[in-house]
C-alpha atoms as a PDB file:
ATOM      1  CA  UNK A   1       2.643  44.280   7.872  1.00  0.00           C
ATOM      2  CA  UNK A   2       0.529  43.616  10.991  1.00  0.00           C
ATOM      3  CA  UNK A   3      -2.561  43.220   8.806  1.00  0.00           C
ATOM      4  CA  UNK A   4      -0.763  40.705   6.617  1.00  0.00           C
ATOM      5  CA  UNK A   5       0.351  38.661   9.660  1.00  0.00           C
ATOM      6  CA  UNK A   6      -3.160  38.827  11.098  1.00  0.00           C
ATOM      7  CA  UNK A   7      -4.651  37.601   7.808  1.00  0.00           C
ATOM      8  CA  UNK A   8      -2.149  34.743   7.651  1.00  0.00           C
ATOM      9  CA  UNK A   9      -2.860  33.734  11.249  1.00  0.00           C
ATOM     10  CA  UNK A  10      -6.605  33.840  10.566  1.00  0.00           C
ATOM     11  CA  UNK A  11      -6.167  31.608   7.519  1.00  0.00           C
ATOM     12  CA  UNK A  12      -4.128  29.123   9.571  1.00  0.00           C
ATOM     13  CA  UNK A  13      -6.754  29.157  12.327  1.00  0.00           C
ATOM     14  CA  UNK A  14      -9.592  28.544   9.841  1.00  0.00           C
ATOM     15  CA  UNK A  15      -7.629  25.711   8.259  1.00  0.00           C
ATOM     16  CA  UNK A  16      -6.978  24.110  11.645  1.00  0.00           C
ATOM     17  CA  UNK A  17     -10.648  24.413  12.606  1.00  0.00           C
ATOM     18  CA  UNK A  18     -11.683  22.864   9.289  1.00  0.00           C
ATOM     19  CA  UNK A  19      -9.150  20.073   9.700  1.00  0.00           C
ATOM     20  CA  UNK A  20     -10.315  19.430  13.240  1.00  0.00           C
ATOM     21  CA  UNK A  21     -13.941  19.308  12.121  1.00  0.00           C
ATOM     22  CA  UNK A  22     -13.053  16.893   9.349  1.00  0.00           C
ATOM     23  CA  UNK A  23     -11.168  14.667  11.792  1.00  0.00           C
ATOM     24  CA  UNK A  24     -14.169  14.640  14.138  1.00  0.00           C
ATOM     25  CA  UNK A  25     -16.494  13.829  11.238  1.00  0.00           C
ATOM     26  CA  UNK A  26     -14.200  11.030  10.062  1.00  0.00           C
ATOM     27  CA  UNK A  27     -13.996   9.664  13.605  1.00  0.00           C
ATOM     28  CA  UNK A  28     -17.796   9.789  13.897  1.00  0.00           C
ATOM     29  CA  UNK A  29     -18.182   7.964  10.557  1.00  0.00           C
ATOM     30  CA  UNK A  30     -15.656   5.344  11.617  1.00  0.00           C
ATOM     31  CA  UNK A  31     -17.443   4.848  14.948  1.00  0.00           C
ATOM     32  CA  UNK A  32     -20.820   4.514  13.199  1.00  0.00           C
ATOM     33  CA  UNK A  33     -19.409   2.012  10.696  1.00  0.00           C
ATOM     34  CA  UNK A  34     -17.843   0.015  13.523  1.00  0.00           C
ATOM     35  CA  UNK A  35     -21.183  -0.082  15.344  1.00  0.00           C
ATOM     36  CA  UNK A  36     -22.946  -1.356  12.214  1.00  0.00           C
ATOM     37  CA  UNK A  37     -20.405  -4.131  11.783  1.00  0.00           C
ATOM     38  CA  UNK A  38     -20.691  -5.105  15.449  1.00  0.00           C
ATOM     39  CA  UNK A  39     -24.475  -5.372  15.099  1.00  0.00           C
ATOM     40  CA  UNK A  40     -24.086  -7.491  11.973  1.00  0.00           C
ATOM     41  CA  UNK A  41     -21.617  -9.767  13.724  1.00  0.00           C
ATOM     42  CA  UNK A  42     -24.195 -10.311  16.457  1.00  0.00           C
ATOM     43  CA  UNK A  43     -26.895 -11.151  13.892  1.00  0.00           C
ATOM     44  CA  UNK A  44     -24.597 -13.493  11.963  1.00  0.00           C
ATOM     45  CA  UNK A  45     -23.654 -15.328  15.142  1.00  0.00           C
ATOM     46  CA  UNK A  46     -27.064 -16.994  14.614  1.00  0.00           C
ATOM     47  CA  UNK A  47     -28.053 -16.335  10.987  1.00  0.00           C
ATOM     48  CA  UNK A  48     -25.084 -18.033   9.317  1.00  0.00           C
ATOM     49  CA  UNK A  49     -23.933 -21.559   8.561  1.00  0.00           C
ATOM     50  CA  UNK A  50     -21.573 -21.368  11.509  1.00  0.00           C
ATOM     51  CA  UNK A  51     -24.372 -20.074  13.744  1.00  0.00           C
ATOM     52  CA  UNK A  52     -26.555 -23.021  12.771  1.00  0.00           C
ATOM     53  CA  UNK A  53     -23.690 -25.419  13.411  1.00  0.00           C
ATOM     54  CA  UNK A  54     -22.813 -23.965  16.805  1.00  0.00           C
ATOM     55  CA  UNK A  55     -25.840 -21.921  17.971  1.00  0.00           C
ATOM     56  CA  UNK A  56     -25.076 -19.380  20.718  1.00  0.00           C
ATOM     57  CA  UNK A  57     -28.254 -20.352  22.601  1.00  0.00           C
ATOM     58  CA  UNK A  58     -29.680 -23.726  23.581  1.00  0.00           C
ATOM     59  CA  UNK A  59     -33.338 -22.718  23.175  1.00  0.00           C
ATOM     60  CA  UNK A  60     -33.213 -21.861  19.448  1.00  0.00           C
ATOM     61  CA  UNK A  61     -35.527 -23.378  16.835  1.00  0.00           C
ATOM     62  CA  UNK A  62     -32.790 -24.699  14.543  1.00  0.00           C
ATOM     63  CA  UNK A  63     -35.226 -25.907  11.882  1.00  0.00           C
ATOM     64  CA  UNK A  64     -36.678 -22.412  11.533  1.00  0.00           C
ATOM     65  CA  UNK A  65     -33.222 -20.840  11.730  1.00  0.00           C
ATOM     66  CA  UNK A  66     -32.059 -23.081   8.875  1.00  0.00           C
ATOM     67  CA  UNK A  67     -34.386 -21.218   6.539  1.00  0.00           C
ATOM     68  CA  UNK A  68     -33.054 -17.799   7.571  1.00  0.00           C
ATOM     69  CA  UNK A  69     -29.328 -18.125   6.977  1.00  0.00           C
ATOM     70  CA  UNK A  70     -27.296 -15.329   5.388  1.00  0.00           C
ATOM     71  CA  UNK A  71     -24.039 -15.716   3.458  1.00  0.00           C
ATOM     72  CA  UNK A  72     -21.695 -13.413   5.391  1.00  0.00           C
ATOM     73  CA  UNK A  73     -19.278 -13.038   2.474  1.00  0.00           C
ATOM     74  CA  UNK A  74     -22.015 -12.042   0.023  1.00  0.00           C
ATOM     75  CA  UNK A  75     -23.509  -9.651   2.579  1.00  0.00           C
ATOM     76  CA  UNK A  76     -20.144  -7.926   3.041  1.00  0.00           C
ATOM     77  CA  UNK A  77     -19.996  -7.180  -0.697  1.00  0.00           C
ATOM     78  CA  UNK A  78     -23.647  -6.313  -1.207  1.00  0.00           C
ATOM     79  CA  UNK A  79     -25.305  -2.918  -1.649  1.00  0.00           C
ATOM     80  CA  UNK A  80     -26.328  -3.143   2.020  1.00  0.00           C
ATOM     81  CA  UNK A  81     -22.860  -3.974   3.334  1.00  0.00           C
ATOM     82  CA  UNK A  82     -22.749  -0.759   5.377  1.00  0.00           C
ATOM     83  CA  UNK A  83     -26.373  -0.840   6.511  1.00  0.00           C
ATOM     84  CA  UNK A  84     -27.386  -2.080   9.943  1.00  0.00           C
ATOM     85  CA  UNK A  85     -29.790  -5.034  10.016  1.00  0.00           C
ATOM     86  CA  UNK A  86     -32.017  -2.909  12.280  1.00  0.00           C
ATOM     87  CA  UNK A  87     -32.454  -0.346   9.503  1.00  0.00           C
ATOM     88  CA  UNK A  88     -34.789  -2.788   7.781  1.00  0.00           C
ATOM     89  CA  UNK A  89     -35.794  -5.251  10.497  1.00  0.00           C
ATOM     90  CA  UNK A  90     -36.278  -2.608  13.186  1.00  0.00           C
ATOM     91  CA  UNK A  91     -36.002  -2.998  16.931  1.00  0.00           C
ATOM     92  CA  UNK A  92     -37.914  -6.283  16.666  1.00  0.00           C
ATOM     93  CA  UNK A  93     -34.525  -7.983  16.208  1.00  0.00           C
ATOM     94  CA  UNK A  94     -32.924  -6.299  19.211  1.00  0.00           C
ATOM     95  CA  UNK A  95     -33.795  -9.213  21.492  1.00  0.00           C
ATOM     96  CA  UNK A  96     -34.501 -12.921  21.196  1.00  0.00           C
ATOM     97  CA  UNK A  97     -36.944 -14.325  20.365  1.00  0.00           C
ATOM     98  CA  UNK A  98     -37.517 -11.719  17.679  1.00  0.00           C
ATOM     99  CA  UNK A  99     -40.848  -9.991  17.306  1.00  0.00           C
ATOM    100  CA  UNK A 100     -43.113 -10.928  14.411  1.00  0.00           C
ATOM    101  CA  UNK A 101     -42.568  -7.523  12.804  1.00  0.00           C
ATOM    102  CA  UNK A 102     -38.949  -8.462  12.066  1.00  0.00           C
ATOM    103  CA  UNK A 103     -40.267  -9.967   8.830  1.00  0.00           C
ATOM    104  CA  UNK A 104     -43.886  -8.839   8.677  1.00  0.00           C
ATOM    105  CA  UNK A 105     -43.273  -5.082   8.625  1.00  0.00           C
ATOM    106  CA  UNK A 106     -40.205  -4.701   6.445  1.00  0.00           C
ATOM    107  CA  UNK A 107     -39.952  -1.238   4.851  1.00  0.00           C
ATOM    108  CA  UNK A 108     -40.503  -0.785   1.138  1.00  0.00           C
ATOM    109  CA  UNK A 109     -37.408  -0.411  -1.036  1.00  0.00           C
ATOM    110  CA  UNK A 110     -38.705   3.012  -2.071  1.00  0.00           C
ATOM    111  CA  UNK A 111     -38.246   4.261   1.494  1.00  0.00           C
ATOM    112  CA  UNK A 112     -34.492   4.426   0.867  1.00  0.00           C
ATOM    113  CA  UNK A 113     -34.148   4.104  -2.904  1.00  0.00           C
ATOM    114  CA  UNK A 114     -36.549   6.876  -3.892  1.00  0.00           C
ATOM    115  CA  UNK A 115     -34.698   8.090  -6.980  1.00  0.00           C
ATOM    116  CA  UNK A 116     -34.176   4.614  -8.416  1.00  0.00           C
ATOM    117  CA  UNK A 117     -37.761   3.558  -7.764  1.00  0.00           C
ATOM    118  CA  UNK A 118     -39.165   6.676  -9.452  1.00  0.00           C
ATOM    119  CA  UNK A 119     -37.350   5.650 -12.643  1.00  0.00           C
ATOM    120  CA  UNK A 120     -37.974   1.935 -12.347  1.00  0.00           C
ATOM    121  CA  UNK A 121     -41.630   1.896 -11.237  1.00  0.00           C
ATOM    122  CA  UNK A 122     -43.205   2.746 -14.653  1.00  0.00           C
ATOM    123  CA  UNK A 123     -41.075   0.060 -16.325  1.00  0.00           C
ATOM    124  CA  UNK A 124     -41.814  -2.470 -13.604  1.00  0.00           C
ATOM    125  CA  UNK A 125     -45.562  -1.973 -14.111  1.00  0.00           C
ATOM    126  CA  UNK A 126     -45.102  -3.063 -17.735  1.00  0.00           C
ATOM    127  CA  UNK A 127     -43.151  -6.151 -16.718  1.00  0.00           C
ATOM    128  CA  UNK A 128     -44.536  -9.556 -17.598  1.00  0.00           C
ATOM    129  CA  UNK A 129     -44.318 -10.435 -13.903  1.00  0.00           C
ATOM    130  CA  UNK A 130     -46.690  -7.652 -12.919  1.00  0.00           C
ATOM    131  CA  UNK A 131     -49.047  -8.216 -15.843  1.00  0.00           C
ATOM    132  CA  UNK A 132     -49.221 -11.873 -14.856  1.00  0.00           C
ATOM    133  CA  UNK A 133     -50.785 -10.624 -11.607  1.00  0.00           C
ATOM    134  CA  UNK A 134     -48.158 -11.952  -9.209  1.00  0.00           C
ATOM    135  CA  UNK A 135     -49.128 -10.109  -5.993  1.00  0.00           C
ATOM    136  CA  UNK A 136     -46.077 -11.231  -4.013  1.00  0.00           C
ATOM    137  CA  UNK A 137     -43.557 -10.256  -6.690  1.00  0.00           C
ATOM    138  CA  UNK A 138     -41.406  -7.357  -5.430  1.00  0.00           C
ATOM    139  CA  UNK A 139     -37.936  -5.884  -5.879  1.00  0.00           C
ATOM    140  CA  UNK A 140     -36.563  -8.464  -3.423  1.00  0.00           C
ATOM    141  CA  UNK A 141     -37.914 -11.284  -5.571  1.00  0.00           C
ATOM    142  CA  UNK A 142     -34.999 -10.637  -7.924  1.00  0.00           C
ATOM    143  CA  UNK A 143     -32.633  -8.451  -5.912  1.00  0.00           C
ATOM    144  CA  UNK A 144     -31.681 -10.352  -2.769  1.00  0.00           C
ATOM    145  CA  UNK A 145     -31.092  -7.512  -0.263  1.00  0.00           C
ATOM    146  CA  UNK A 146     -28.493  -9.640   1.545  1.00  0.00           C
ATOM    147  CA  UNK A 147     -26.435 -10.423  -1.544  1.00  0.00           C
ATOM    148  CA  UNK A 148     -27.182  -8.116  -4.486  1.00  0.00           C
ATOM    149  CA  UNK A 149     -24.172  -6.220  -5.826  1.00  0.00           C
ATOM    150  CA  UNK A 150     -24.084  -3.217  -8.131  1.00  0.00           C
ATOM    151  CA  UNK A 151     -22.910  -4.043 -11.634  1.00  0.00           C
ATOM    152  CA  UNK A 152     -20.135  -1.452 -11.274  1.00  0.00           C
ATOM    153  CA  UNK A 153     -18.800  -3.344  -8.244  1.00  0.00           C
ATOM    154  CA  UNK A 154     -18.616  -6.732  -9.930  1.00  0.00           C
ATOM    155  CA  UNK A 155     -15.265  -7.837 -11.307  1.00  0.00           C
ATOM    156  CA  UNK A 156     -16.278  -8.698 -14.867  1.00  0.00           C
ATOM    157  CA  UNK A 157     -19.200  -9.149 -17.264  1.00  0.00           C
ATOM    158  CA  UNK A 158     -19.058 -12.876 -16.475  1.00  0.00           C
ATOM    159  CA  UNK A 159     -19.705 -12.053 -12.820  1.00  0.00           C
ATOM    160  CA  UNK A 160     -22.636  -9.849 -13.873  1.00  0.00           C
ATOM    161  CA  UNK A 161     -24.077 -12.714 -15.931  1.00  0.00           C
ATOM    162  CA  UNK A 162     -23.700 -15.148 -13.031  1.00  0.00           C
ATOM    163  CA  UNK A 163     -25.487 -12.825 -10.607  1.00  0.00           C
ATOM    164  CA  UNK A 164     -28.333 -11.767 -12.894  1.00  0.00           C
ATOM    165  CA  UNK A 165     -29.045 -15.168 -14.410  1.00  0.00           C
ATOM    166  CA  UNK A 166     -28.927 -16.862 -11.017  1.00  0.00           C
ATOM    167  CA  UNK A 167     -31.906 -14.710 -10.033  1.00  0.00           C
ATOM    168  CA  UNK A 168     -33.911 -15.507 -13.164  1.00  0.00           C
ATOM    169  CA  UNK A 169     -33.103 -19.203 -13.160  1.00  0.00           C
ATOM    170  CA  UNK A 170     -33.530 -19.413  -9.413  1.00  0.00           C
ATOM    171  CA  UNK A 171     -37.286 -19.294 -10.050  1.00  0.00           C
ATOM    172  CA  UNK A 172     -37.580 -20.591 -13.585  1.00  0.00           C
ATOM    173  CA  UNK A 173     -35.544 -23.721 -12.810  1.00  0.00           C
ATOM    174  CA  UNK A 174     -37.253 -24.457  -9.492  1.00  0.00           C
ATOM    175  CA  UNK A 175     -40.776 -25.793  -9.059  1.00  0.00           C
ATOM    176  CA  UNK A 176     -40.748 -24.779  -5.394  1.00  0.00           C
ATOM    177  CA  UNK A 177     -39.717 -21.154  -5.946  1.00  0.00           C
ATOM    178  CA  UNK A 178     -41.886 -20.773  -9.039  1.00  0.00           C
ATOM    179  CA  UNK A 179     -44.902 -21.920  -7.027  1.00  0.00           C
ATOM    180  CA  UNK A 180     -44.347 -19.100  -4.501  1.00  0.00           C
ATOM    181  CA  UNK A 181     -45.605 -16.588  -7.040  1.00  0.00           C
ATOM    182  CA  UNK A 182     -48.062 -18.394  -9.272  1.00  0.00           C
ATOM    183  CA  UNK A 183     -50.153 -21.582  -9.359  1.00  0.00           C
ATOM    184  CA  UNK A 184     -49.305 -21.986 -13.051  1.00  0.00           C
ATOM    185  CA  UNK A 185     -47.227 -24.988 -14.025  1.00  0.00           C
ATOM    186  CA  UNK A 186     -43.560 -24.184 -14.599  1.00  0.00           C
ATOM    187  CA  UNK A 187     -42.255 -24.955 -18.073  1.00  0.00           C
ATOM    188  CA  UNK A 188     -38.743 -26.249 -18.608  1.00  0.00           C
ATOM    189  CA  UNK A 189     -36.394 -23.495 -19.804  1.00  0.00           C
ATOM    190  CA  UNK A 190     -34.588 -25.808 -22.200  1.00  0.00           C
ATOM    191  CA  UNK A 191     -37.884 -26.624 -23.933  1.00  0.00           C
ATOM    192  CA  UNK A 192     -38.932 -22.969 -24.121  1.00  0.00           C
ATOM    193  CA  UNK A 193     -35.559 -22.029 -25.613  1.00  0.00           C
ATOM    194  CA  UNK A 194     -35.383 -25.003 -27.980  1.00  0.00           C
ATOM    195  CA  UNK A 195     -35.022 -22.591 -30.915  1.00  0.00           C
ATOM    196  CA  UNK A 196     -31.815 -21.092 -29.471  1.00  0.00           C
ATOM    197  CA  UNK A 197     -28.582 -22.844 -30.534  1.00  0.00           C
ATOM    198  CA  UNK A 198     -26.519 -23.975 -27.521  1.00  0.00           C
ATOM    199  CA  UNK A 199     -28.874 -22.366 -25.016  1.00  0.00           C
ATOM    200  CA  UNK A 200     -26.749 -23.273 -21.983  1.00  0.00           C
ATOM    201  CA  UNK A 201     -23.688 -21.616 -23.525  1.00  0.00           C
ATOM    202  CA  UNK A 202     -25.728 -18.473 -24.149  1.00  0.00           C
ATOM    203  CA  UNK A 203     -26.948 -18.439 -20.531  1.00  0.00           C
ATOM    204  CA  UNK A 204     -23.320 -18.563 -19.352  1.00  0.00           C
ATOM    205  CA  UNK A 205     -22.279 -15.708 -21.656  1.00  0.00           C
ATOM    206  CA  UNK A 206     -25.204 -13.248 -21.662  1.00  0.00           C
ATOM    207  CA  UNK A 207     -27.996 -12.286 -19.316  1.00  0.00           C
ATOM    208  CA  UNK A 208     -31.617 -13.289 -19.708  1.00  0.00           C
ATOM    209  CA  UNK A 209     -32.487  -9.575 -19.599  1.00  0.00           C
ATOM    210  CA  UNK A 210     -30.239  -8.902 -22.595  1.00  0.00           C
ATOM    211  CA  UNK A 211     -32.925 -10.576 -24.715  1.00  0.00           C
ATOM    212  CA  UNK A 212     -35.980 -10.172 -22.496  1.00  0.00           C
ATOM    213  CA  UNK A 213     -35.940  -6.357 -22.152  1.00  0.00           C
ATOM    214  CA  UNK A 214     -36.063  -3.496 -24.610  1.00  0.00           C
ATOM    215  CA  UNK A 215     -32.777  -1.679 -25.153  1.00  0.00           C
ATOM    216  CA  UNK A 216     -32.466   1.651 -23.318  1.00  0.00           C
ATOM    217  CA  UNK A 217     -29.861   4.402 -23.184  1.00  0.00           C
ATOM    218  CA  UNK A 218     -28.843   3.869 -19.556  1.00  0.00           C
ATOM    219  CA  UNK A 219     -29.081   0.835 -17.323  1.00  0.00           C
ATOM    220  CA  UNK A 220     -31.268  -2.203 -17.808  1.00  0.00           C
ATOM    221  CA  UNK A 221     -35.001  -1.879 -18.334  1.00  0.00           C
ATOM    222  CA  UNK A 222     -37.189  -3.425 -15.624  1.00  0.00           C
ATOM    223  CA  UNK A 223     -39.974  -4.043 -18.142  1.00  0.00           C
ATOM    224  CA  UNK A 224     -39.379  -7.769 -18.615  1.00  0.00           C
ATOM    225  CA  UNK A 225     -40.883  -8.807 -21.947  1.00  0.00           C
ATOM    226  CA  UNK A 226     -42.961 -11.955 -22.493  1.00  0.00           C
ATOM    227  CA  UNK A 227     -41.383 -14.728 -24.550  1.00  0.00           C
ATOM    228  CA  UNK A 228     -43.228 -13.785 -27.739  1.00  0.00           C
ATOM    229  CA  UNK A 229     -41.675 -10.295 -27.643  1.00  0.00           C
ATOM    230  CA  UNK A 230     -38.174 -11.323 -26.575  1.00  0.00           C
ATOM    231  CA  UNK A 231     -35.281 -10.809 -28.997  1.00  0.00           C
ATOM    232  CA  UNK A 232     -34.778 -13.698 -31.425  1.00  0.00           C
ATOM    233  CA  UNK A 233     -32.724 -12.004 -34.135  1.00  0.00           C
ATOM    234  CA  UNK A 234     -29.194 -13.352 -33.795  1.00  0.00           C
ATOM    235  CA  UNK A 235     -27.743 -10.377 -35.672  1.00  0.00           C
ATOM    236  CA  UNK A 236     -28.805  -8.024 -32.849  1.00  0.00           C
ATOM    237  CA  UNK A 237     -25.893  -9.409 -30.825  1.00  0.00           C
ATOM    238  CA  UNK A 238     -23.730 -11.070 -33.470  1.00  0.00           C
ATOM    239  CA  UNK A 239     -22.660  -7.999 -35.432  1.00  0.00           C
ATOM    240  CA  UNK A 240     -20.137  -5.165 -35.234  1.00  0.00           C
ATOM    241  CA  UNK A 241     -22.883  -2.901 -33.836  1.00  0.00           C
ATOM    242  CA  UNK A 242     -23.948  -5.523 -31.312  1.00  0.00           C
ATOM    243  CA  UNK A 243     -26.584  -4.511 -28.772  1.00  0.00           C
ATOM    244  CA  UNK A 244     -24.215  -5.993 -26.169  1.00  0.00           C
ATOM    245  CA  UNK A 245     -22.250  -2.740 -26.488  1.00  0.00           C
ATOM    246  CA  UNK A 246     -25.067  -0.881 -24.726  1.00  0.00           C
ATOM    247  CA  UNK A 247     -26.096  -3.772 -22.498  1.00  0.00           C
ATOM    248  CA  UNK A 248     -23.756  -6.271 -20.854  1.00  0.00           C
ATOM    249  CA  UNK A 249     -20.538  -4.550 -21.974  1.00  0.00           C
ATOM    250  CA  UNK A 250     -21.670  -0.946 -21.470  1.00  0.00           C
ATOM    251  CA  UNK A 251     -19.128  -0.192 -18.768  1.00  0.00           C
ATOM    252  CA  UNK A 252     -16.307  -1.803 -20.719  1.00  0.00           C
ATOM    253  CA  UNK A 253     -17.146   0.449 -23.657  1.00  0.00           C
ATOM    254  CA  UNK A 254     -17.061   3.480 -21.364  1.00  0.00           C
ATOM    255  CA  UNK A 255     -13.740   2.413 -19.833  1.00  0.00           C
ATOM    256  CA  UNK A 256     -11.843   2.046 -23.097  1.00  0.00           C
ATOM    257  CA  UNK A 257     -12.209   2.658 -26.812  1.00  0.00           C
ATOM    258  CA  UNK A 258      -8.591   1.647 -27.520  1.00  0.00           C
ATOM    259  CA  UNK A 259      -8.318  -0.714 -30.471  1.00  0.00           C
ATOM    260  CA  UNK A 260      -4.568  -1.068 -31.079  1.00  0.00           C
ATOM    261  CA  UNK A 261      -4.489  -4.222 -33.220  1.00  0.00           C
ATOM    262  CA  UNK A 262      -7.605  -3.861 -35.302  1.00  0.00           C
ATOM    263  CA  UNK A 263     -10.108  -5.830 -33.223  1.00  0.00           C
ATOM    264  CA  UNK A 264     -13.684  -4.587 -33.401  1.00  0.00           C
ATOM    265  CA  UNK A 265     -15.162  -4.350 -29.863  1.00  0.00           C
ATOM    266  CA  UNK A 266     -11.772  -5.428 -28.488  1.00  0.00           C
ATOM    267  CA  UNK A 267     -12.914  -5.060 -24.857  1.00  0.00           C
ATOM    268  CA  UNK A 268     -15.090  -8.166 -25.276  1.00  0.00           C
ATOM    269  CA  UNK A 269     -12.084 -10.347 -26.115  1.00  0.00           C
ATOM    270  CA  UNK A 270     -11.023 -10.385 -22.459  1.00  0.00           C
ATOM    271  CA  UNK A 271     -14.271 -12.161 -21.635  1.00  0.00           C
ATOM    272  CA  UNK A 272     -15.421 -14.098 -24.680  1.00  0.00           C
ATOM    273  CA  UNK A 273     -15.260 -14.613 -28.412  1.00  0.00           C
ATOM    274  CA  UNK A 274     -18.575 -13.611 -29.934  1.00  0.00           C
ATOM    275  CA  UNK A 275     -18.982 -14.563 -33.568  1.00  0.00           C
ATOM    276  CA  UNK A 276     -19.534 -11.452 -35.678  1.00  0.00           C
ATOM    277  CA  UNK A 277     -18.671  -9.093 -32.816  1.00  0.00           C
ATOM    278  CA  UNK A 278     -14.996  -9.558 -32.005  1.00  0.00           C
ATOM    279  CA  UNK A 279     -13.610  -9.954 -35.504  1.00  0.00           C
ATOM    280  CA  UNK A 280     -10.401  -8.197 -36.585  1.00  0.00           C
ATOM    281  CA  UNK A 281     -10.746  -5.398 -39.112  1.00  0.00           C
ATOM    282  CA  UNK A 282      -7.224  -5.984 -40.487  1.00  0.00           C
ATOM    283  CA  UNK A 283      -8.120  -9.619 -41.187  1.00  0.00           C
ATOM    284  CA  UNK A 284     -11.361  -8.441 -42.755  1.00  0.00           C
ATOM    285  CA  UNK A 285      -9.456  -6.139 -45.096  1.00  0.00           C
ATOM    286  CA  UNK A 286      -6.818  -8.799 -45.782  1.00  0.00           C
ATOM    287  CA  UNK A 287      -9.612 -11.205 -46.713  1.00  0.00           C
ATOM    288  CA  UNK A 288     -11.099  -8.641 -49.120  1.00  0.00           C
ATOM    289  CA  UNK A 289      -7.676  -8.027 -50.664  1.00  0.00           C
ATOM    290  CA  UNK A 290      -7.043 -11.764 -50.979  1.00  0.00           C
ATOM    291  CA  UNK A 291     -10.463 -12.261 -52.544  1.00  0.00           C
ATOM    292  CA  UNK A 292      -9.780  -9.390 -54.969  1.00  0.00           C
ATOM    293  CA  UNK A 293      -6.426 -10.948 -55.931  1.00  0.00           C
ATOM    294  CA  UNK A 294      -8.054 -14.336 -56.509  1.00  0.00           C
ATOM    295  CA  UNK A 295     -10.765 -12.769 -58.657  1.00  0.00           C
ATOM    296  CA  UNK A 296      -8.153 -10.722 -60.533  1.00  0.00           C
ATOM    297  CA  UNK A 297      -6.002 -13.815 -61.010  1.00  0.00           C
ATOM    298  CA  UNK A 298      -8.897 -15.841 -62.348  1.00  0.00           C
ATOM    299  CA  UNK A 299      -9.965 -12.975 -64.575  1.00  0.00           C
ATOM    300  CA  UNK A 300      -6.409 -12.451 -65.831  1.00  0.00           C
ATOM    301  CA  UNK A 301      -5.974 -16.159 -66.464  1.00  0.00           C
ATOM    302  CA  UNK A 302      -9.219 -16.286 -68.415  1.00  0.00           C
ATOM    303  CA  UNK A 303      -8.248 -13.205 -70.405  1.00  0.00           C
ATOM    304  CA  UNK A 304      -4.835 -14.661 -71.297  1.00  0.00           C
ATOM    305  CA  UNK A 305      -6.424 -17.921 -72.447  1.00  0.00           C
ATOM    306  CA  UNK A 306      -8.950 -16.005 -74.530  1.00  0.00           C
ATOM    307  CA  UNK A 307      -6.216 -13.912 -76.153  1.00  0.00           C
ATOM    308  CA  UNK A 308      -3.971 -16.904 -76.768  1.00  0.00           C
ATOM    309  CA  UNK A 309      -6.835 -18.832 -78.369  1.00  0.00           C
ATOM    310  CA  UNK A 310      -7.592 -15.915 -80.652  1.00  0.00           C
ATOM    311  CA  UNK A 311      -3.942 -15.659 -81.645  1.00  0.00           C
ATOM    312  CA  UNK A 312      -3.722 -19.378 -82.412  1.00  0.00           C
ATOM    313  CA  UNK A 313      -6.848 -19.217 -84.549  1.00  0.00           C
ATOM    314  CA  UNK A 314      -5.540 -16.123 -86.314  1.00  0.00           C
ATOM    315  CA  UNK A 315      -2.212 -17.849 -87.060  1.00  0.00           C
ATOM    316  CA  UNK A 316      -3.975 -20.625 -88.904  1.00  0.00           C
END
C-alpha cells in the first residue's frame, strides 16, 4: 500500500514538474515573441507610410526613407512575421543613422532556409533567369521577405494567383524594375501572349508559373521555362485530368475529394468555372442518353418509313 501511494505521489510530482517546465517555456516564448513585436514596432515607426507622414525624428532623410517603406499589414502575415528585423539586418539597425551593413551585408536565404534551398537550388540553376545571366537575381527578387506568404496560409487559390502573378508582372510590366536585372529591352506581355485567348482573364485565374514551369509531384518548380518551352496546349488545363489539379488547386484536392452532385473537380467551382474541367458528369451522361434517344428516334423513324414504303409497293 505504501509503495502504491509513493508511486502515485511520484507520478503527481513528475507531472507538476513537467507542467511547471512547460509553463516556463510558454512564458519564455511569449516574452520572446513580445520582444520581437516591440522591435518591429520601433522599426515601423519610421519604415511605414505613417512613419513617413509623421517621422519620429527631425533629422531624417525623408526622400531616402520613402524608398524603404514596409507594409505593416503584409509584414504581419508574411513568413517572417515572427522574425526580428535584426535577424537579417543585424545590429546595424540598432541605432540611427543605420550602418551601411544594414543593407549591404544581408544574410543569404540559405542561412535559415537550408532544407528548402537544397531542393530549390538545382531547379533555380536551370531557370531562364539564371541562364540569362542576371547576376542580381536572387530569391528576394520574387519572394519579398517583408510580404511573402506561404501558399497554405493564403485564403484561396485566387489569393495565391494575386500574390504570385504580382511578382512576375511586377518586373515584366515595369521598365524600371526590368532594367534592374538586365539591359535588354522589355517586351510587352500582351504582345508576347498574343496567341493566348483572353490573356488578362487567364492572368487573373491562373499563375504564370502554371504554364512556365514543368509539372512536379510536390510544390512548384523553380526552373522557370523560356517562352518557347512554356505550355501552350489548352487541353493540359481544360480537361477532366487538368494539370491544375496538381498545381494551383493541389491543396484543394488534398482537402476534399467529395463530389456529391456529380461535378468533376468540384473544389474548383468555389473559385472559377473552367471550361472542360468543372463539368457535371450527370449532365454528361444525360447528354449521351439524349443523343442516343435522338439517334434511336431518327433511326426508328427511318426504319418505319422504309417498312411502310415497302408495304405500299407490295400492296400495288
